[in-house]
Amino acid sequence: MFEVLVYVYENYWQGDACPEAHQLSRKLTAVGFEAEEIQAALEWLEGLNIAAQSTQICLPRSGSDMLPAGQLAQPAIQAQSQNSLRVYSITEQEHLGREALGFVSFLESSGVLPPHMREIAIDRAMAAPGNPVTLDDLKIIVLMVYWSFGEEPEALVLDELCDDTQLRIAH
């Protein structure tokens, strides 16, 4: 499944350029991916699409931003307080593993993975195969979360997400 996701990211790096699921499935089949891999990736991408579209940050409104009388606000996610703490359930800890959770914490503390994107990355990691999820697979998931928002990570973040840490030489 992750090979399919990497292919989609590399070939449709602007998320809005990605074809509909049926057409994408045909293109992936033509490239040589197996039907099971394609189906798993398309289901995973559908979950990502739903999560990204339904995520809105609700920031405090100023007086001029108030909604007209009688108009209901769209459901939104409250912005995370600076003093809040994300506690991972036992199921999340087991499925994500120590290495992946450490990497999520690193990205978050570096300020490159905002809370709403973190939650989508965790949700999509929980929907991914593997127990625990490998660090390389988590990096692909984070890239796909950025992709789903139509954002490209900063160069250093992109390097960290795409770099094979196995080939690094310690100084």
C-alpha atoms as a PDB file:
ATOM      1  CA  MET A   1       0.000   0.000   0.000  1.00  0.00           C
ATOM      2  CA  PHE A   2       2.762   2.474   0.876  1.00  0.00           C
ATOM      3  CA  GLU A   3       4.417   2.058  -2.522  1.00  0.00           C
ATOM      4  CA  VAL A   4       1.123   3.160  -4.092  1.00  0.00           C
ATOM      5  CA  LEU A   5       0.928   6.168  -1.755  1.00  0.00           C
ATOM      6  CA  VAL A   6       4.484   7.199  -2.638  1.00  0.00           C
ATOM      7  CA  TYR A   7       3.635   6.901  -6.335  1.00  0.00           C
ATOM      8  CA  VAL A   8       0.524   9.063  -5.859  1.00  0.00           C
ATOM      9  CA  TYR A   9       2.512  11.673  -3.912  1.00  0.00           C
ATOM     10  CA  GLU A  10       5.307  11.809  -6.485  1.00  0.00           C
ATOM     11  CA  ASN A  11       3.033  11.944  -9.528  1.00  0.00           C
ATOM     12  CA  TYR A  12       0.201  14.076  -8.180  1.00  0.00           C
ATOM     13  CA  TRP A  13       2.126  16.263  -5.731  1.00  0.00           C
ATOM     14  CA  GLN A  14      -0.609  18.855  -6.044  1.00  0.00           C
ATOM     15  CA  GLY A  15      -3.520  17.020  -4.419  1.00  0.00           C
ATOM     16  CA  ASP A  16      -6.115  18.711  -6.612  1.00  0.00           C
ATOM     17  CA  ALA A  17      -4.359  17.256  -9.687  1.00  0.00           C
ATOM     18  CA  CYS A  18      -5.089  13.716  -8.504  1.00  0.00           C
ATOM     19  CA  PRO A  19      -7.775  11.987 -10.601  1.00  0.00           C
ATOM     20  CA  GLU A  20     -10.940  10.472  -9.161  1.00  0.00           C
ATOM     21  CA  ALA A  21     -10.604   7.056  -7.498  1.00  0.00           C
ATOM     22  CA  HIS A  22     -11.824   5.011 -10.491  1.00  0.00           C
ATOM     23  CA  GLN A  23      -9.484   6.732 -12.946  1.00  0.00           C
ATOM     24  CA  LEU A  24      -6.609   6.627 -10.449  1.00  0.00           C
ATOM     25  CA  SER A  25      -7.200   2.899  -9.996  1.00  0.00           C
ATOM     26  CA  ARG A  26      -6.892   2.334 -13.738  1.00  0.00           C
ATOM     27  CA  LYS A  27      -3.690   4.390 -13.918  1.00  0.00           C
ATOM     28  CA  LEU A  28      -2.171   2.509 -10.985  1.00  0.00           C
ATOM     29  CA  THR A  29      -3.095  -0.817 -12.585  1.00  0.00           C
ATOM     30  CA  ALA A  30      -1.462   0.307 -15.842  1.00  0.00           C
ATOM     31  CA  VAL A  31       1.726   1.188 -13.934  1.00  0.00           C
ATOM     32  CA  GLY A  32       1.828  -2.343 -12.517  1.00  0.00           C
ATOM     33  CA  PHE A  33       0.528  -2.189  -8.965  1.00  0.00           C
ATOM     34  CA  GLU A  34      -1.486  -5.160  -7.745  1.00  0.00           C
ATOM     35  CA  ALA A  35      -5.244  -4.853  -7.275  1.00  0.00           C
ATOM     36  CA  GLU A  36      -5.107  -5.525  -3.514  1.00  0.00           C
ATOM     37  CA  GLU A  37      -2.476  -2.810  -2.985  1.00  0.00           C
ATOM     38  CA  ILE A  38      -4.475  -0.351  -5.062  1.00  0.00           C
ATOM     39  CA  GLN A  39      -7.709  -1.071  -3.201  1.00  0.00           C
ATOM     40  CA  ALA A  40      -6.057  -0.699   0.212  1.00  0.00           C
ATOM     41  CA  ALA A  41      -4.415   2.573  -0.837  1.00  0.00           C
ATOM     42  CA  LEU A  42      -7.647   3.982  -2.289  1.00  0.00           C
ATOM     43  CA  GLU A  43      -9.578   3.162   0.875  1.00  0.00           C
ATOM     44  CA  TRP A  44      -6.837   4.753   2.962  1.00  0.00           C
ATOM     45  CA  LEU A  45      -6.813   7.847   0.717  1.00  0.00           C
ATOM     46  CA  GLU A  46     -10.603   8.142   1.017  1.00  0.00           C
ATOM     47  CA  GLY A  47     -10.252   8.236   4.809  1.00  0.00           C
ATOM     48  CA  LEU A  48      -7.532  10.878   4.458  1.00  0.00           C
ATOM     49  CA  ASN A  49      -9.719  12.937   2.147  1.00  0.00           C
ATOM     50  CA  ILE A  50     -12.661  12.805   4.552  1.00  0.00           C
ATOM     51  CA  ALA A  51     -10.459  13.775   7.510  1.00  0.00           C
ATOM     52  CA  ALA A  52      -8.807  16.682   5.668  1.00  0.00           C
ATOM     53  CA  GLN A  53     -12.092  18.063   4.333  1.00  0.00           C
ATOM     54  CA  SER A  54     -13.828  17.912   7.680  1.00  0.00           C
ATOM     55  CA  THR A  55     -10.996  19.595   9.569  1.00  0.00           C
ATOM     56  CA  GLN A  56     -11.469  23.281  10.207  1.00  0.00           C
ATOM     57  CA  ILE A  57      -9.722  25.228  12.889  1.00  0.00           C
ATOM     58  CA  CYS A  58     -11.990  27.405  14.975  1.00  0.00           C
ATOM     59  CA  LEU A  59      -9.979  30.421  16.006  1.00  0.00           C
ATOM     60  CA  PRO A  60     -11.375  33.103  18.331  1.00  0.00           C
ATOM     61  CA  ARG A  61     -13.500  35.536  16.362  1.00  0.00           C
ATOM     62  CA  SER A  62     -13.118  39.265  16.522  1.00  0.00           C
ATOM     63  CA  GLY A  63     -16.205  41.482  16.561  1.00  0.00           C
ATOM     64  CA  SER A  64     -16.058  42.065  12.787  1.00  0.00           C
ATOM     65  CA  ASP A  65     -15.886  38.320  12.072  1.00  0.00           C
ATOM     66  CA  MET A  66     -19.151  37.499  13.834  1.00  0.00           C
ATOM     67  CA  LEU A  67     -21.744  35.527  11.906  1.00  0.00           C
ATOM     68  CA  PRO A  68     -24.942  37.301  10.840  1.00  0.00           C
ATOM     69  CA  ALA A  69     -27.916  36.810  13.163  1.00  0.00           C
ATOM     70  CA  GLY A  70     -29.621  33.463  12.633  1.00  0.00           C
ATOM     71  CA  GLN A  71     -26.702  31.859  10.793  1.00  0.00           C
ATOM     72  CA  LEU A  72     -25.265  28.770  12.455  1.00  0.00           C
ATOM     73  CA  ALA A  73     -21.535  28.233  12.656  1.00  0.00           C
ATOM     74  CA  GLN A  74     -20.009  25.270  10.836  1.00  0.00           C
ATOM     75  CA  PRO A  75     -18.796  22.513  13.158  1.00  0.00           C
ATOM     76  CA  ALA A  76     -15.098  23.035  13.722  1.00  0.00           C
ATOM     77  CA  ILE A  77     -12.218  21.824  15.816  1.00  0.00           C
ATOM     78  CA  GLN A  78     -11.108  24.080  18.628  1.00  0.00           C
ATOM     79  CA  ALA A  79      -7.557  25.312  18.313  1.00  0.00           C
ATOM     80  CA  GLN A  80      -5.302  23.537  20.799  1.00  0.00           C
ATOM     81  CA  SER A  81      -4.186  25.521  23.809  1.00  0.00           C
ATOM     82  CA  GLN A  82      -0.450  25.967  24.283  1.00  0.00           C
ATOM     83  CA  ASN A  83      -0.737  24.251  27.649  1.00  0.00           C
ATOM     84  CA  SER A  84      -2.644  21.212  26.388  1.00  0.00           C
ATOM     85  CA  LEU A  85      -1.155  17.748  26.352  1.00  0.00           C
ATOM     86  CA  ARG A  86      -1.914  14.911  23.931  1.00  0.00           C
ATOM     87  CA  VAL A  87      -2.262  11.617  25.784  1.00  0.00           C
ATOM     88  CA  TYR A  88      -2.018   8.512  23.609  1.00  0.00           C
ATOM     89  CA  SER A  89      -4.279   5.565  24.340  1.00  0.00           C
ATOM     90  CA  ILE A  90      -2.754   2.155  24.944  1.00  0.00           C
ATOM     91  CA  THR A  91      -4.034   1.013  21.545  1.00  0.00           C
ATOM     92  CA  GLU A  92      -2.341   4.008  19.870  1.00  0.00           C
ATOM     93  CA  GLN A  93       0.882   3.390  21.784  1.00  0.00           C
ATOM     94  CA  GLU A  94       0.956  -0.261  20.726  1.00  0.00           C
ATOM     95  CA  HIS A  95       0.042   0.337  17.091  1.00  0.00           C
ATOM     96  CA  LEU A  96       2.280   3.365  16.563  1.00  0.00           C
ATOM     97  CA  GLY A  97       5.218   2.189  18.627  1.00  0.00           C
ATOM     98  CA  ARG A  98       7.835   4.150  20.501  1.00  0.00           C
ATOM     99  CA  GLU A  99       9.830   5.240  17.447  1.00  0.00           C
ATOM    100  CA  ALA A 100       6.812   6.629  15.551  1.00  0.00           C
ATOM    101  CA  LEU A 101       5.429   8.400  18.636  1.00  0.00           C
ATOM    102  CA  GLY A 102       8.842   9.937  19.254  1.00  0.00           C
ATOM    103  CA  PHE A 103       8.963  11.175  15.673  1.00  0.00           C
ATOM    104  CA  VAL A 104       5.470  12.692  15.936  1.00  0.00           C
ATOM    105  CA  SER A 105       6.564  14.425  19.137  1.00  0.00           C
ATOM    106  CA  PHE A 106       9.705  15.705  17.393  1.00  0.00           C
ATOM    107  CA  LEU A 107       7.696  17.142  14.478  1.00  0.00           C
ATOM    108  CA  GLU A 108       5.178  18.684  16.837  1.00  0.00           C
ATOM    109  CA  SER A 109       7.776  20.261  19.148  1.00  0.00           C
ATOM    110  CA  SER A 110       9.615  21.603  16.096  1.00  0.00           C
ATOM    111  CA  GLY A 111       6.453  23.452  15.126  1.00  0.00           C
ATOM    112  CA  VAL A 112       6.072  21.754  11.747  1.00  0.00           C
ATOM    113  CA  LEU A 113       3.157  19.464  12.576  1.00  0.00           C
ATOM    114  CA  PRO A 114       0.202  21.459  13.891  1.00  0.00           C
ATOM    115  CA  PRO A 115      -2.237  19.662  16.206  1.00  0.00           C
ATOM    116  CA  HIS A 116      -4.976  19.220  13.579  1.00  0.00           C
ATOM    117  CA  MET A 117      -2.494  17.622  11.166  1.00  0.00           C
ATOM    118  CA  ARG A 118      -1.052  15.503  13.984  1.00  0.00           C
ATOM    119  CA  GLU A 119      -4.493  14.098  14.724  1.00  0.00           C
ATOM    120  CA  ILE A 120      -5.062  13.208  11.081  1.00  0.00           C
ATOM    121  CA  ALA A 121      -1.602  11.617  10.875  1.00  0.00           C
ATOM    122  CA  ILE A 122      -2.372   9.521  13.965  1.00  0.00           C
ATOM    123  CA  ASP A 123      -5.796   8.564  12.609  1.00  0.00           C
ATOM    124  CA  ARG A 124      -4.319   7.496   9.273  1.00  0.00           C
ATOM    125  CA  ALA A 125      -1.446   5.661  11.007  1.00  0.00           C
ATOM    126  CA  MET A 126      -4.010   3.752  13.058  1.00  0.00           C
ATOM    127  CA  ALA A 127      -5.711   2.785   9.775  1.00  0.00           C
ATOM    128  CA  ALA A 128      -2.416   1.573   8.289  1.00  0.00           C
ATOM    129  CA  PRO A 129      -1.135  -1.992   8.408  1.00  0.00           C
ATOM    130  CA  GLY A 130       1.786  -2.933  10.596  1.00  0.00           C
ATOM    131  CA  ASN A 131       2.066  -3.353  14.304  1.00  0.00           C
ATOM    132  CA  PRO A 132       3.875  -1.210  15.156  1.00  0.00           C
ATOM    133  CA  VAL A 133       3.862   1.170  12.186  1.00  0.00           C
ATOM    134  CA  THR A 134       7.397   1.622  10.902  1.00  0.00           C
ATOM    135  CA  LEU A 135       9.044   5.025  10.998  1.00  0.00           C
ATOM    136  CA  ASP A 136       9.362   5.037   7.202  1.00  0.00           C
ATOM    137  CA  ASP A 137       5.634   4.327   6.844  1.00  0.00           C
ATOM    138  CA  LEU A 138       4.813   7.094   9.325  1.00  0.00           C
ATOM    139  CA  LYS A 139       6.915   9.543   7.310  1.00  0.00           C
ATOM    140  CA  ILE A 140       4.893   8.668   4.210  1.00  0.00           C
ATOM    141  CA  ILE A 141       1.687   9.179   6.196  1.00  0.00           C
ATOM    142  CA  VAL A 142       2.830  12.635   7.342  1.00  0.00           C
ATOM    143  CA  LEU A 143       3.747  13.541   3.754  1.00  0.00           C
ATOM    144  CA  MET A 144       0.289  12.443   2.612  1.00  0.00           C
ATOM    145  CA  VAL A 145      -1.331  14.557   5.340  1.00  0.00           C
ATOM    146  CA  TYR A 146       0.541  17.612   4.056  1.00  0.00           C
ATOM    147  CA  TRP A 147      -0.493  16.621   0.523  1.00  0.00           C
ATOM    148  CA  SER A 148      -4.156  16.370   1.529  1.00  0.00           C
ATOM    149  CA  PHE A 149      -4.071  19.997   2.709  1.00  0.00           C
ATOM    150  CA  GLY A 150      -2.383  21.109  -0.508  1.00  0.00           C
ATOM    151  CA  GLU A 151       0.749  22.080   1.416  1.00  0.00           C
ATOM    152  CA  GLU A 152       4.344  21.204   0.816  1.00  0.00           C
ATOM    153  CA  PRO A 153       6.484  20.887   3.937  1.00  0.00           C
ATOM    154  CA  GLU A 154       9.428  23.232   4.347  1.00  0.00           C
ATOM    155  CA  ALA A 155      12.624  22.020   2.676  1.00  0.00           C
ATOM    156  CA  LEU A 156      14.256  20.769   5.887  1.00  0.00           C
ATOM    157  CA  VAL A 157      11.090  18.958   6.952  1.00  0.00           C
ATOM    158  CA  LEU A 158      10.723  17.428   3.494  1.00  0.00           C
ATOM    159  CA  ASP A 159      14.340  16.288   3.693  1.00  0.00           C
ATOM    160  CA  GLU A 160      13.683  14.669   7.092  1.00  0.00           C
ATOM    161  CA  LEU A 161      10.552  12.939   5.785  1.00  0.00           C
ATOM    162  CA  CYS A 162      12.182  11.694   2.578  1.00  0.00           C
ATOM    163  CA  ASP A 163      15.690  10.951   3.847  1.00  0.00           C
ATOM    164  CA  ASP A 164      16.616   7.332   4.473  1.00  0.00           C
ATOM    165  CA  THR A 165      18.056   7.436   7.979  1.00  0.00           C
ATOM    166  CA  GLN A 166      19.636   3.998   7.466  1.00  0.00           C
ATOM    167  CA  LEU A 167      22.170   5.540   5.089  1.00  0.00           C
ATOM    168  CA  ARG A 168      23.239   8.364   7.410  1.00  0.00           C
ATOM    169  CA  ILE A 169      26.746   8.361   8.815  1.00  0.00           C
ATOM    170  CA  ALA A 170      27.159   9.668  12.347  1.00  0.00           C
ATOM    171  CA  HIS A 171      29.884  12.256  12.797  1.00  0.00           C
END
